[in-house]
Amino acid sequence: MSWLRRWPGLSACLLALGLAGCAGWVGPRFPMSQPLGSTRAEVLARLGEPTARYALPQGERLQYSFLPAGVTVYNLDLDAEGRLRRVDQPLLKSRIDADMMIDQTRAEDIRLLYGQPLRIDQVARFDGTVWVYQFLDLNEPFYAYLHLDPQGVLRRVVFQQVRNPPNGHHRG
């Protein structure tokens, strides 16, 4: 680090570049930075069309998924008047553990929370499908394998830490 002391201007430039890179993740086009109370039109103008829309009992969910290349899904919930009331990123191990109820959660519940899976697999020792989601847990990449029976009911959840992510990065 002594080379940084020799060129103080370089350290300032590196800091500025680092902060500029971070700004891309918190600017107006980032789902988590949407101000509560924004109208549907304002959200759509800033973020564009969502990857999915879902009707909710008290409004609508706009879902912005960064899968398959990324590791995040953002749910922006609007009330009946079309105002933003909640912004959430549910693809976290603690949330999956809390939200997924074995023998109760259904495929449509999973899609409402996490969107389309990264992929849908089948395995020899399970009669049904396995929905695969990738996410970060404390900056460590993981896969969540959600086992759904032929009726679309969750029967098992398995987590696997990814040692060498296929895309070489963990940004979502």
N, C-alpha and C. Protein backbone atom coordinates (compact mmCIF):
# COMPACT_ATOMS: atom_id res chain seq x y z
N MET A 1 0.80 -1.20 0.00
CA MET A 1 0.00 0.00 0.00
C MET A 1 0.85 1.26 0.00
N SER A 2 2.16 1.13 0.10
CA SER A 2 3.02 2.32 0.10
C SER A 2 2.93 3.06 -1.23
N TRP A 3 2.59 2.38 -2.31
CA TRP A 3 2.47 3.04 -3.60
C TRP A 3 1.31 4.03 -3.60
N LEU A 4 0.29 3.79 -2.77
CA LEU A 4 -0.82 4.74 -2.69
C LEU A 4 -0.37 6.05 -2.03
N ARG A 5 0.56 5.94 -1.08
CA ARG A 5 1.05 7.14 -0.42
C ARG A 5 1.87 8.00 -1.38
N ARG A 6 2.54 7.35 -2.33
CA ARG A 6 3.37 8.09 -3.29
C ARG A 6 2.51 8.86 -4.29
N TRP A 7 1.33 8.36 -4.59
CA TRP A 7 0.44 9.02 -5.56
C TRP A 7 -0.92 9.27 -4.91
N PRO A 8 -1.02 10.32 -4.12
CA PRO A 8 -2.29 10.58 -3.42
C PRO A 8 -3.45 10.84 -4.39
N GLY A 9 -3.16 11.38 -5.55
CA GLY A 9 -4.22 11.61 -6.54
C GLY A 9 -4.82 10.30 -7.02
N LEU A 10 -3.98 9.26 -7.11
CA LEU A 10 -4.46 7.95 -7.55
C LEU A 10 -5.46 7.38 -6.55
N SER A 11 -5.16 7.52 -5.26
CA SER A 11 -6.11 6.98 -4.27
C SER A 11 -7.44 7.71 -4.34
N ALA A 12 -7.42 9.02 -4.59
CA ALA A 12 -8.67 9.76 -4.72
C ALA A 12 -9.45 9.30 -5.95
N CYS A 13 -8.73 9.05 -7.05
CA CYS A 13 -9.39 8.56 -8.27
C CYS A 13 -9.99 7.18 -8.05
N LEU A 14 -9.24 6.30 -7.38
CA LEU A 14 -9.75 4.96 -7.10
C LEU A 14 -10.99 5.01 -6.22
N LEU A 15 -10.98 5.87 -5.23
CA LEU A 15 -12.14 6.04 -4.36
C LEU A 15 -13.33 6.55 -5.16
N ALA A 16 -13.11 7.54 -6.01
CA ALA A 16 -14.20 8.10 -6.83
C ALA A 16 -14.77 7.04 -7.76
N LEU A 17 -13.90 6.25 -8.38
CA LEU A 17 -14.38 5.18 -9.26
C LEU A 17 -15.19 4.15 -8.49
N GLY A 18 -14.72 3.79 -7.31
CA GLY A 18 -15.45 2.83 -6.49
C GLY A 18 -16.82 3.34 -6.11
N LEU A 19 -16.89 4.59 -5.70
CA LEU A 19 -18.18 5.17 -5.34
C LEU A 19 -19.10 5.30 -6.55
N ALA A 20 -18.54 5.63 -7.69
CA ALA A 20 -19.35 5.72 -8.91
C ALA A 20 -19.91 4.36 -9.27
N GLY A 21 -19.13 3.31 -9.09
CA GLY A 21 -19.62 1.96 -9.36
C GLY A 21 -20.75 1.59 -8.43
N CYS A 22 -20.65 1.98 -7.17
CA CYS A 22 -21.72 1.70 -6.21
C CYS A 22 -22.98 2.48 -6.56
N ALA A 23 -22.82 3.67 -7.08
CA ALA A 23 -23.99 4.50 -7.39
C ALA A 23 -24.89 3.83 -8.41
N GLY A 24 -24.32 3.03 -9.29
CA GLY A 24 -25.14 2.32 -10.25
C GLY A 24 -26.10 1.34 -9.60
N TRP A 25 -25.80 0.92 -8.38
CA TRP A 25 -26.64 -0.05 -7.67
C TRP A 25 -27.62 0.63 -6.74
N VAL A 26 -27.55 1.95 -6.57
CA VAL A 26 -28.48 2.62 -5.67
C VAL A 26 -29.17 3.81 -6.33
N GLY A 27 -29.00 3.99 -7.60
CA GLY A 27 -29.59 5.12 -8.29
C GLY A 27 -31.08 4.91 -8.55
N PRO A 28 -31.69 5.84 -9.30
CA PRO A 28 -33.13 5.79 -9.52
C PRO A 28 -33.59 4.56 -10.31
N ARG A 29 -32.68 3.89 -11.01
CA ARG A 29 -33.09 2.71 -11.77
C ARG A 29 -32.90 1.42 -10.97
N PHE A 30 -32.61 1.54 -9.70
CA PHE A 30 -32.45 0.38 -8.83
C PHE A 30 -33.76 0.16 -8.08
N PRO A 31 -34.33 -1.05 -8.12
CA PRO A 31 -35.64 -1.27 -7.50
C PRO A 31 -35.72 -0.87 -6.02
N MET A 32 -34.68 -1.15 -5.24
CA MET A 32 -34.76 -0.86 -3.80
C MET A 32 -34.73 0.63 -3.49
N SER A 33 -34.37 1.46 -4.47
CA SER A 33 -34.30 2.91 -4.20
C SER A 33 -35.59 3.63 -4.61
N GLN A 34 -36.63 2.89 -4.95
CA GLN A 34 -37.89 3.53 -5.33
C GLN A 34 -38.58 4.10 -4.09
N PRO A 35 -38.92 5.38 -4.12
CA PRO A 35 -39.56 5.99 -2.94
C PRO A 35 -40.97 5.43 -2.72
N LEU A 36 -41.26 5.07 -1.48
CA LEU A 36 -42.61 4.65 -1.14
C LEU A 36 -43.56 5.80 -1.43
N GLY A 37 -44.74 5.46 -1.94
CA GLY A 37 -45.70 6.49 -2.33
C GLY A 37 -45.64 6.84 -3.80
N SER A 38 -44.59 6.37 -4.51
CA SER A 38 -44.50 6.61 -5.95
C SER A 38 -45.70 5.98 -6.64
N THR A 39 -46.11 6.58 -7.74
CA THR A 39 -47.22 6.00 -8.51
C THR A 39 -46.70 4.88 -9.41
N ARG A 40 -47.62 4.07 -9.88
CA ARG A 40 -47.27 2.99 -10.82
C ARG A 40 -46.54 3.59 -12.03
N ALA A 41 -47.06 4.70 -12.55
CA ALA A 41 -46.45 5.34 -13.73
C ALA A 41 -45.02 5.79 -13.44
N GLU A 42 -44.77 6.33 -12.25
CA GLU A 42 -43.42 6.77 -11.90
C GLU A 42 -42.46 5.58 -11.79
N VAL A 43 -42.92 4.51 -11.17
CA VAL A 43 -42.08 3.31 -11.04
C VAL A 43 -41.76 2.75 -12.42
N LEU A 44 -42.78 2.63 -13.27
CA LEU A 44 -42.55 2.09 -14.61
C LEU A 44 -41.65 3.00 -15.44
N ALA A 45 -41.76 4.30 -15.27
CA ALA A 45 -40.90 5.23 -16.01
C ALA A 45 -39.44 5.06 -15.60
N ARG A 46 -39.20 4.80 -14.31
CA ARG A 46 -37.82 4.65 -13.83
C ARG A 46 -37.25 3.26 -14.10
N LEU A 47 -38.07 2.23 -13.93
CA LEU A 47 -37.55 0.85 -14.01
C LEU A 47 -37.91 0.12 -15.29
N GLY A 48 -38.85 0.63 -16.05
CA GLY A 48 -39.29 -0.08 -17.24
C GLY A 48 -40.31 -1.16 -16.87
N GLU A 49 -40.64 -1.96 -17.86
CA GLU A 49 -41.63 -3.01 -17.64
C GLU A 49 -41.09 -4.08 -16.70
N PRO A 50 -41.91 -4.57 -15.78
CA PRO A 50 -41.46 -5.65 -14.89
C PRO A 50 -41.38 -6.97 -15.64
N THR A 51 -40.67 -7.91 -15.06
CA THR A 51 -40.61 -9.25 -15.66
C THR A 51 -41.90 -10.01 -15.41
N ALA A 52 -42.66 -9.61 -14.38
CA ALA A 52 -43.96 -10.24 -14.11
C ALA A 52 -44.83 -9.26 -13.32
N ARG A 53 -46.14 -9.45 -13.45
CA ARG A 53 -47.13 -8.69 -12.67
C ARG A 53 -48.07 -9.71 -12.04
N TYR A 54 -48.43 -9.46 -10.79
CA TYR A 54 -49.35 -10.35 -10.08
C TYR A 54 -50.40 -9.51 -9.37
N ALA A 55 -51.64 -9.98 -9.43
CA ALA A 55 -52.70 -9.34 -8.67
C ALA A 55 -52.56 -9.74 -7.20
N LEU A 56 -52.69 -8.77 -6.32
CA LEU A 56 -52.67 -9.00 -4.87
C LEU A 56 -54.05 -8.64 -4.32
N PRO A 57 -54.41 -9.16 -3.15
CA PRO A 57 -55.73 -8.83 -2.59
C PRO A 57 -55.97 -7.33 -2.45
N GLN A 58 -54.93 -6.56 -2.16
CA GLN A 58 -55.09 -5.12 -1.97
C GLN A 58 -54.36 -4.30 -3.02
N GLY A 59 -54.08 -4.88 -4.19
CA GLY A 59 -53.37 -4.11 -5.21
C GLY A 59 -52.68 -4.99 -6.23
N GLU A 60 -51.41 -4.70 -6.48
CA GLU A 60 -50.67 -5.38 -7.55
C GLU A 60 -49.20 -5.49 -7.17
N ARG A 61 -48.56 -6.55 -7.63
CA ARG A 61 -47.12 -6.72 -7.45
C ARG A 61 -46.44 -6.57 -8.80
N LEU A 62 -45.43 -5.70 -8.85
CA LEU A 62 -44.54 -5.60 -10.01
C LEU A 62 -43.27 -6.32 -9.61
N GLN A 63 -42.90 -7.32 -10.38
CA GLN A 63 -41.73 -8.13 -10.03
C GLN A 63 -40.63 -7.90 -11.07
N TYR A 64 -39.45 -7.57 -10.56
CA TYR A 64 -38.27 -7.36 -11.40
C TYR A 64 -37.26 -8.43 -11.04
N SER A 65 -37.11 -9.40 -11.92
CA SER A 65 -36.20 -10.51 -11.67
C SER A 65 -34.93 -10.33 -12.48
N PHE A 66 -33.80 -10.56 -11.82
CA PHE A 66 -32.51 -10.51 -12.51
C PHE A 66 -32.02 -11.91 -12.87
N LEU A 67 -32.84 -12.94 -12.55
CA LEU A 67 -32.51 -14.29 -12.98
C LEU A 67 -32.74 -14.38 -14.49
N PRO A 68 -32.03 -15.17 -15.23
CA PRO A 68 -31.10 -16.20 -14.79
C PRO A 68 -29.68 -15.70 -14.59
N ALA A 69 -29.32 -14.53 -15.09
CA ALA A 69 -27.92 -14.09 -14.98
C ALA A 69 -27.59 -13.57 -13.59
N GLY A 70 -28.56 -13.02 -12.90
CA GLY A 70 -28.31 -12.42 -11.60
C GLY A 70 -28.77 -13.30 -10.45
N VAL A 71 -28.86 -12.69 -9.27
CA VAL A 71 -29.17 -13.45 -8.06
C VAL A 71 -30.24 -12.76 -7.21
N THR A 72 -30.98 -11.85 -7.81
CA THR A 72 -31.98 -11.11 -7.04
C THR A 72 -33.31 -11.03 -7.77
N VAL A 73 -34.36 -10.91 -6.98
CA VAL A 73 -35.71 -10.66 -7.46
C VAL A 73 -36.28 -9.57 -6.57
N TYR A 74 -36.84 -8.54 -7.17
CA TYR A 74 -37.41 -7.44 -6.40
C TYR A 74 -38.91 -7.41 -6.60
N ASN A 75 -39.65 -7.38 -5.50
CA ASN A 75 -41.10 -7.27 -5.53
C ASN A 75 -41.48 -5.87 -5.08
N LEU A 76 -42.18 -5.16 -5.94
CA LEU A 76 -42.67 -3.83 -5.62
C LEU A 76 -44.19 -3.92 -5.55
N ASP A 77 -44.73 -3.76 -4.34
CA ASP A 77 -46.16 -3.92 -4.12
C ASP A 77 -46.85 -2.57 -4.13
N LEU A 78 -47.89 -2.48 -4.97
CA LEU A 78 -48.69 -1.27 -5.10
C LEU A 78 -50.03 -1.49 -4.41
N ASP A 79 -50.58 -0.45 -3.81
CA ASP A 79 -51.89 -0.57 -3.19
C ASP A 79 -52.98 -0.43 -4.26
N ALA A 80 -54.23 -0.45 -3.83
CA ALA A 80 -55.36 -0.39 -4.76
C ALA A 80 -55.39 0.91 -5.55
N GLU A 81 -54.78 1.97 -5.02
CA GLU A 81 -54.72 3.26 -5.73
C GLU A 81 -53.51 3.35 -6.65
N GLY A 82 -52.69 2.30 -6.70
CA GLY A 82 -51.53 2.29 -7.58
C GLY A 82 -50.31 2.99 -7.01
N ARG A 83 -50.23 3.12 -5.69
CA ARG A 83 -49.07 3.74 -5.03
C ARG A 83 -48.18 2.67 -4.42
N LEU A 84 -46.88 2.89 -4.53
CA LEU A 84 -45.90 1.94 -4.02
C LEU A 84 -45.95 1.91 -2.49
N ARG A 85 -46.19 0.72 -1.94
CA ARG A 85 -46.29 0.56 -0.48
C ARG A 85 -45.17 -0.28 0.10
N ARG A 86 -44.54 -1.12 -0.73
CA ARG A 86 -43.53 -2.04 -0.18
C ARG A 86 -42.57 -2.44 -1.29
N VAL A 87 -41.27 -2.50 -0.94
CA VAL A 87 -40.24 -3.00 -1.85
C VAL A 87 -39.49 -4.08 -1.09
N ASP A 88 -39.30 -5.22 -1.74
CA ASP A 88 -38.74 -6.38 -1.05
C ASP A 88 -37.84 -7.16 -1.99
N GLN A 89 -36.76 -7.72 -1.44
CA GLN A 89 -35.89 -8.65 -2.18
C GLN A 89 -35.89 -9.95 -1.37
N PRO A 90 -36.74 -10.92 -1.74
CA PRO A 90 -36.95 -12.11 -0.91
C PRO A 90 -35.98 -13.26 -1.13
N LEU A 91 -35.10 -13.17 -2.12
CA LEU A 91 -34.19 -14.30 -2.38
C LEU A 91 -33.02 -14.27 -1.40
N LEU A 92 -33.30 -14.67 -0.18
CA LEU A 92 -32.32 -14.78 0.90
C LEU A 92 -32.59 -16.09 1.62
N LYS A 93 -31.55 -16.74 2.10
CA LYS A 93 -31.74 -18.03 2.76
C LYS A 93 -32.71 -17.93 3.93
N SER A 94 -32.56 -16.91 4.75
CA SER A 94 -33.45 -16.76 5.91
C SER A 94 -34.90 -16.59 5.48
N ARG A 95 -35.13 -15.87 4.40
CA ARG A 95 -36.50 -15.68 3.90
C ARG A 95 -37.05 -16.97 3.30
N ILE A 96 -36.23 -17.68 2.55
CA ILE A 96 -36.70 -18.94 1.97
C ILE A 96 -37.06 -19.90 3.10
N ASP A 97 -36.20 -19.98 4.12
CA ASP A 97 -36.49 -20.83 5.28
C ASP A 97 -37.82 -20.44 5.93
N ALA A 98 -38.06 -19.15 6.07
CA ALA A 98 -39.28 -18.68 6.74
C ALA A 98 -40.52 -18.79 5.87
N ASP A 99 -40.38 -18.53 4.57
CA ASP A 99 -41.53 -18.47 3.68
C ASP A 99 -41.99 -19.83 3.16
N MET A 100 -41.08 -20.76 3.00
CA MET A 100 -41.42 -22.04 2.39
C MET A 100 -41.90 -23.03 3.46
N MET A 101 -43.17 -23.39 3.38
CA MET A 101 -43.78 -24.31 4.34
C MET A 101 -43.98 -25.66 3.65
N ILE A 102 -43.23 -26.66 4.11
CA ILE A 102 -43.33 -28.00 3.54
C ILE A 102 -44.78 -28.49 3.64
N ASP A 103 -45.26 -29.12 2.57
CA ASP A 103 -46.62 -29.67 2.46
C ASP A 103 -47.71 -28.60 2.43
N GLN A 104 -47.35 -27.33 2.36
CA GLN A 104 -48.35 -26.26 2.31
C GLN A 104 -48.13 -25.29 1.16
N THR A 105 -46.89 -24.85 0.96
CA THR A 105 -46.60 -23.86 -0.07
C THR A 105 -46.83 -24.47 -1.45
N ARG A 106 -47.45 -23.70 -2.32
CA ARG A 106 -47.78 -24.18 -3.67
C ARG A 106 -46.93 -23.43 -4.71
N ALA A 107 -46.89 -23.99 -5.89
CA ALA A 107 -46.09 -23.42 -6.98
C ALA A 107 -46.44 -21.95 -7.22
N GLU A 108 -47.73 -21.61 -7.20
CA GLU A 108 -48.11 -20.22 -7.45
C GLU A 108 -47.62 -19.29 -6.34
N ASP A 109 -47.53 -19.80 -5.09
CA ASP A 109 -46.98 -19.00 -3.99
C ASP A 109 -45.49 -18.72 -4.22
N ILE A 110 -44.79 -19.74 -4.68
CA ILE A 110 -43.36 -19.61 -4.94
C ILE A 110 -43.11 -18.60 -6.05
N ARG A 111 -43.88 -18.73 -7.12
CA ARG A 111 -43.72 -17.80 -8.25
C ARG A 111 -44.04 -16.36 -7.82
N LEU A 112 -45.06 -16.19 -6.99
CA LEU A 112 -45.41 -14.86 -6.50
C LEU A 112 -44.27 -14.24 -5.70
N LEU A 113 -43.57 -15.05 -4.91
CA LEU A 113 -42.47 -14.55 -4.09
C LEU A 113 -41.17 -14.38 -4.87
N TYR A 114 -40.80 -15.41 -5.64
CA TYR A 114 -39.46 -15.46 -6.24
C TYR A 114 -39.44 -15.38 -7.76
N GLY A 115 -40.59 -15.36 -8.40
CA GLY A 115 -40.62 -15.30 -9.85
C GLY A 115 -40.28 -16.63 -10.49
N GLN A 116 -39.99 -16.56 -11.78
CA GLN A 116 -39.61 -17.77 -12.52
C GLN A 116 -38.29 -18.30 -11.98
N PRO A 117 -38.17 -19.60 -11.84
CA PRO A 117 -36.89 -20.15 -11.37
C PRO A 117 -35.80 -20.03 -12.43
N LEU A 118 -34.59 -20.18 -11.97
CA LEU A 118 -33.43 -20.23 -12.87
C LEU A 118 -33.62 -21.35 -13.88
N ARG A 119 -34.07 -22.50 -13.37
CA ARG A 119 -34.39 -23.64 -14.24
C ARG A 119 -35.30 -24.58 -13.47
N ILE A 120 -35.91 -25.50 -14.21
CA ILE A 120 -36.75 -26.54 -13.61
C ILE A 120 -36.14 -27.88 -13.99
N ASP A 121 -35.81 -28.66 -12.96
CA ASP A 121 -35.16 -29.96 -13.16
C ASP A 121 -36.08 -31.09 -12.73
N GLN A 122 -35.66 -32.29 -13.07
CA GLN A 122 -36.26 -33.51 -12.55
C GLN A 122 -35.14 -34.38 -12.04
N VAL A 123 -35.41 -35.11 -10.96
CA VAL A 123 -34.41 -36.01 -10.41
C VAL A 123 -35.01 -37.40 -10.29
N ALA A 124 -34.15 -38.41 -10.30
CA ALA A 124 -34.60 -39.79 -10.35
C ALA A 124 -35.39 -40.21 -9.11
N ARG A 125 -35.03 -39.70 -7.95
CA ARG A 125 -35.65 -40.20 -6.71
C ARG A 125 -36.75 -39.28 -6.16
N PHE A 126 -37.33 -38.50 -7.03
CA PHE A 126 -38.42 -37.63 -6.59
C PHE A 126 -39.44 -37.54 -7.71
N ASP A 127 -40.70 -37.80 -7.39
CA ASP A 127 -41.78 -37.73 -8.37
C ASP A 127 -42.32 -36.30 -8.40
N GLY A 128 -41.78 -35.50 -9.26
CA GLY A 128 -42.18 -34.11 -9.39
C GLY A 128 -41.07 -33.32 -10.05
N THR A 129 -41.12 -32.01 -9.86
CA THR A 129 -40.10 -31.15 -10.45
C THR A 129 -39.32 -30.44 -9.34
N VAL A 130 -38.14 -29.97 -9.71
CA VAL A 130 -37.29 -29.23 -8.77
C VAL A 130 -37.05 -27.85 -9.38
N TRP A 131 -37.55 -26.83 -8.69
CA TRP A 131 -37.34 -25.46 -9.13
C TRP A 131 -36.05 -24.97 -8.50
N VAL A 132 -35.16 -24.44 -9.33
CA VAL A 132 -33.84 -24.02 -8.87
C VAL A 132 -33.74 -22.49 -8.92
N TYR A 133 -33.35 -21.92 -7.79
CA TYR A 133 -33.11 -20.48 -7.68
C TYR A 133 -31.69 -20.25 -7.22
N GLN A 134 -31.03 -19.23 -7.78
CA GLN A 134 -29.70 -18.86 -7.28
C GLN A 134 -29.83 -17.54 -6.54
N PHE A 135 -29.04 -17.40 -5.47
CA PHE A 135 -29.10 -16.20 -4.65
C PHE A 135 -27.81 -16.06 -3.87
N LEU A 136 -27.66 -14.94 -3.20
CA LEU A 136 -26.50 -14.70 -2.33
C LEU A 136 -26.96 -14.76 -0.88
N ASP A 137 -26.12 -15.35 -0.04
CA ASP A 137 -26.34 -15.32 1.40
C ASP A 137 -25.03 -14.86 2.02
N LEU A 138 -25.04 -13.65 2.58
CA LEU A 138 -23.82 -13.03 3.10
C LEU A 138 -22.72 -13.03 2.04
N ASN A 139 -23.10 -12.65 0.82
CA ASN A 139 -22.21 -12.56 -0.34
C ASN A 139 -21.65 -13.90 -0.81
N GLU A 140 -22.18 -15.00 -0.32
CA GLU A 140 -21.79 -16.32 -0.79
C GLU A 140 -22.90 -16.84 -1.71
N PRO A 141 -22.54 -17.31 -2.91
CA PRO A 141 -23.57 -17.80 -3.84
C PRO A 141 -24.13 -19.16 -3.40
N PHE A 142 -25.44 -19.28 -3.52
CA PHE A 142 -26.15 -20.51 -3.18
C PHE A 142 -27.16 -20.84 -4.26
N TYR A 143 -27.53 -22.12 -4.30
CA TYR A 143 -28.71 -22.57 -5.04
C TYR A 143 -29.73 -23.04 -4.02
N ALA A 144 -31.00 -22.76 -4.27
CA ALA A 144 -32.10 -23.33 -3.51
C ALA A 144 -32.84 -24.26 -4.46
N TYR A 145 -33.02 -25.50 -4.03
CA TYR A 145 -33.74 -26.50 -4.82
C TYR A 145 -35.08 -26.74 -4.14
N LEU A 146 -36.16 -26.31 -4.78
CA LEU A 146 -37.50 -26.44 -4.22
C LEU A 146 -38.20 -27.59 -4.94
N HIS A 147 -38.45 -28.68 -4.20
CA HIS A 147 -39.04 -29.90 -4.76
C HIS A 147 -40.56 -29.81 -4.69
N LEU A 148 -41.20 -29.83 -5.86
CA LEU A 148 -42.66 -29.74 -5.96
C LEU A 148 -43.22 -31.05 -6.49
N ASP A 149 -44.25 -31.57 -5.82
CA ASP A 149 -44.86 -32.82 -6.29
C ASP A 149 -45.70 -32.53 -7.54
N PRO A 150 -46.27 -33.57 -8.18
CA PRO A 150 -47.04 -33.35 -9.42
C PRO A 150 -48.24 -32.40 -9.24
N GLN A 151 -48.74 -32.23 -8.01
CA GLN A 151 -49.84 -31.30 -7.76
C GLN A 151 -49.35 -29.88 -7.48
N GLY A 152 -48.03 -29.67 -7.51
CA GLY A 152 -47.47 -28.34 -7.30
C GLY A 152 -47.32 -27.95 -5.84
N VAL A 153 -47.23 -28.94 -4.94
CA VAL A 153 -47.07 -28.68 -3.51
C VAL A 153 -45.60 -28.90 -3.13
N LEU A 154 -45.06 -27.98 -2.35
CA LEU A 154 -43.66 -28.06 -1.91
C LEU A 154 -43.48 -29.23 -0.95
N ARG A 155 -42.52 -30.11 -1.26
CA ARG A 155 -42.25 -31.27 -0.42
C ARG A 155 -40.87 -31.24 0.24
N ARG A 156 -39.96 -30.45 -0.33
CA ARG A 156 -38.60 -30.45 0.21
C ARG A 156 -37.86 -29.20 -0.28
N VAL A 157 -36.96 -28.68 0.57
CA VAL A 157 -36.08 -27.56 0.20
C VAL A 157 -34.66 -27.97 0.52
N VAL A 158 -33.77 -27.82 -0.45
CA VAL A 158 -32.36 -28.15 -0.27
C VAL A 158 -31.54 -26.94 -0.71
N PHE A 159 -30.55 -26.58 0.11
CA PHE A 159 -29.63 -25.49 -0.24
C PHE A 159 -28.27 -26.07 -0.58
N GLN A 160 -27.61 -25.46 -1.56
CA GLN A 160 -26.26 -25.87 -1.93
C GLN A 160 -25.42 -24.62 -2.14
N GLN A 161 -24.30 -24.55 -1.43
CA GLN A 161 -23.39 -23.43 -1.66
C GLN A 161 -22.65 -23.68 -2.97
N VAL A 162 -22.49 -22.63 -3.76
CA VAL A 162 -21.83 -22.72 -5.06
C VAL A 162 -20.38 -22.32 -4.87
N ARG A 163 -19.47 -23.24 -5.15
CA ARG A 163 -18.05 -22.95 -4.96
C ARG A 163 -17.47 -22.14 -6.11
N ASN A 164 -17.82 -22.47 -7.34
CA ASN A 164 -17.33 -21.75 -8.52
C ASN A 164 -18.52 -21.37 -9.38
N PRO A 165 -19.10 -20.17 -9.15
CA PRO A 165 -20.28 -19.79 -9.90
C PRO A 165 -20.03 -19.81 -11.40
N PRO A 166 -20.99 -20.33 -12.18
CA PRO A 166 -20.78 -20.46 -13.62
C PRO A 166 -20.59 -19.14 -14.35
N ASN A 167 -21.21 -18.06 -13.87
CA ASN A 167 -21.07 -16.79 -14.58
C ASN A 167 -19.89 -15.96 -14.08
N GLY A 168 -19.17 -16.47 -13.08
CA GLY A 168 -17.95 -15.81 -12.63
C GLY A 168 -18.15 -14.58 -11.77
N HIS A 169 -19.39 -14.20 -11.51
CA HIS A 169 -19.65 -13.06 -10.64
C HIS A 169 -20.92 -13.32 -9.86
N HIS A 170 -21.16 -12.48 -8.87
CA HIS A 170 -22.30 -12.70 -7.99
C HIS A 170 -23.25 -11.51 -7.96
N ARG A 171 -23.16 -10.62 -8.92
CA ARG A 171 -24.01 -9.43 -8.88
C ARG A 171 -25.40 -9.77 -9.38
N GLY A 172 -26.39 -9.14 -8.84
CA GLY A 172 -27.76 -9.35 -9.27
C GLY A 172 -28.41 -8.14 -9.62
